[in-house]
Amino acid sequence: MADTTTVNIAENSAEYIAYKLLQIMARTDGVTLVGMGEKPSREWILKTYAACLLAVKSPNYPDDAISLLPKKS
């Protein structure tokens, strides 16, 4: 039997809020994280989530979070 790991993220945790912000940014950038439509690259997902998490954890320093966002081509 394989070991399984369950991860529970509370709805008010920084990680959950960053994930919700990632979903909003995906819609804003015209990409979809699930289902049909333009798929973002792994780099876009990871950099954008990192920026969202930093923005949530350090709201007084938005430029730091913005600097992590992937460059638009």
Protein backbone atom coordinates (compact mmCIF):
# COMPACT_ATOMS: atom_id res chain seq x y z
CA MET A 1 0.00 0.00 0.00
CA ALA A 2 1.41 3.40 -0.96
CA ASP A 3 1.68 6.12 1.60
CA THR A 4 -0.61 9.04 0.94
CA THR A 5 -0.25 12.58 2.13
CA THR A 6 -3.24 14.79 2.72
CA VAL A 7 -2.71 18.52 2.66
CA ASN A 8 -5.38 20.70 4.22
CA ILE A 9 -5.19 24.41 3.57
CA ALA A 10 -7.38 26.56 5.77
CA GLU A 11 -9.56 29.05 3.95
CA ASN A 12 -7.95 31.95 5.77
CA SER A 13 -4.34 30.83 5.36
CA ALA A 14 -1.87 32.88 3.33
CA GLU A 15 -1.43 29.93 0.98
CA TYR A 16 -5.16 29.66 0.27
CA ILE A 17 -5.53 33.40 -0.29
CA ALA A 18 -2.49 33.33 -2.62
CA TYR A 19 -4.07 30.45 -4.56
CA LYS A 20 -7.33 32.39 -4.95
CA LEU A 21 -5.33 35.42 -6.12
CA LEU A 22 -3.52 33.15 -8.62
CA GLN A 23 -6.91 32.11 -10.03
CA ILE A 24 -7.92 35.76 -10.43
CA MET A 25 -4.63 36.62 -12.14
CA ALA A 26 -5.03 33.65 -14.49
CA ARG A 27 -8.45 34.92 -15.58
CA THR A 28 -7.03 38.44 -15.96
CA ASP A 29 -4.20 37.13 -18.15
CA GLY A 30 -6.65 35.07 -20.21
CA VAL A 31 -5.34 31.65 -19.21
CA THR A 32 -7.07 28.72 -17.57
CA LEU A 33 -5.62 26.55 -14.85
CA VAL A 34 -8.06 23.67 -15.46
CA GLY A 35 -10.25 22.58 -18.34
CA MET A 36 -10.19 23.86 -21.88
CA GLY A 37 -8.40 27.00 -22.99
CA GLU A 38 -4.92 28.47 -23.12
CA LYS A 39 -2.71 26.75 -20.56
CA PRO A 40 -0.01 28.71 -18.73
CA SER A 41 3.53 27.36 -18.53
CA ARG A 42 4.79 25.80 -15.33
CA GLU A 43 7.11 28.78 -14.99
CA TRP A 44 4.13 31.16 -15.18
CA ILE A 45 2.23 29.19 -12.53
CA LEU A 46 5.15 28.95 -10.11
CA LYS A 47 6.34 32.55 -10.51
CA THR A 48 2.81 33.94 -10.31
CA TYR A 49 1.95 31.87 -7.23
CA ALA A 50 5.23 32.96 -5.58
CA ALA A 51 4.35 36.59 -6.32
CA CYS A 52 0.83 36.10 -4.96
CA LEU A 53 2.13 34.46 -1.79
CA LEU A 54 4.65 37.25 -1.25
CA ALA A 55 1.94 39.86 -1.83
CA VAL A 56 -0.29 38.21 0.76
CA LYS A 57 2.48 37.79 3.33
CA SER A 58 4.07 41.22 2.75
CA PRO A 59 1.28 43.56 1.61
CA ASN A 60 3.36 46.66 2.39
CA TYR A 61 5.89 45.73 -0.29
CA PRO A 62 3.92 45.25 -3.53
CA ASP A 63 6.91 46.04 -5.76
CA ASP A 64 8.73 42.98 -4.39
CA ALA A 65 5.81 40.78 -5.42
CA ILE A 66 5.48 42.46 -8.82
CA SER A 67 9.16 41.87 -9.52
CA LEU A 68 8.58 38.11 -9.26
CA LEU A 69 5.88 38.01 -11.94
CA PRO A 70 6.87 36.46 -15.26
CA LYS A 71 7.45 38.94 -18.06
CA LYS A 72 4.68 39.14 -20.66
CA SER A 73 5.82 38.24 -24.14
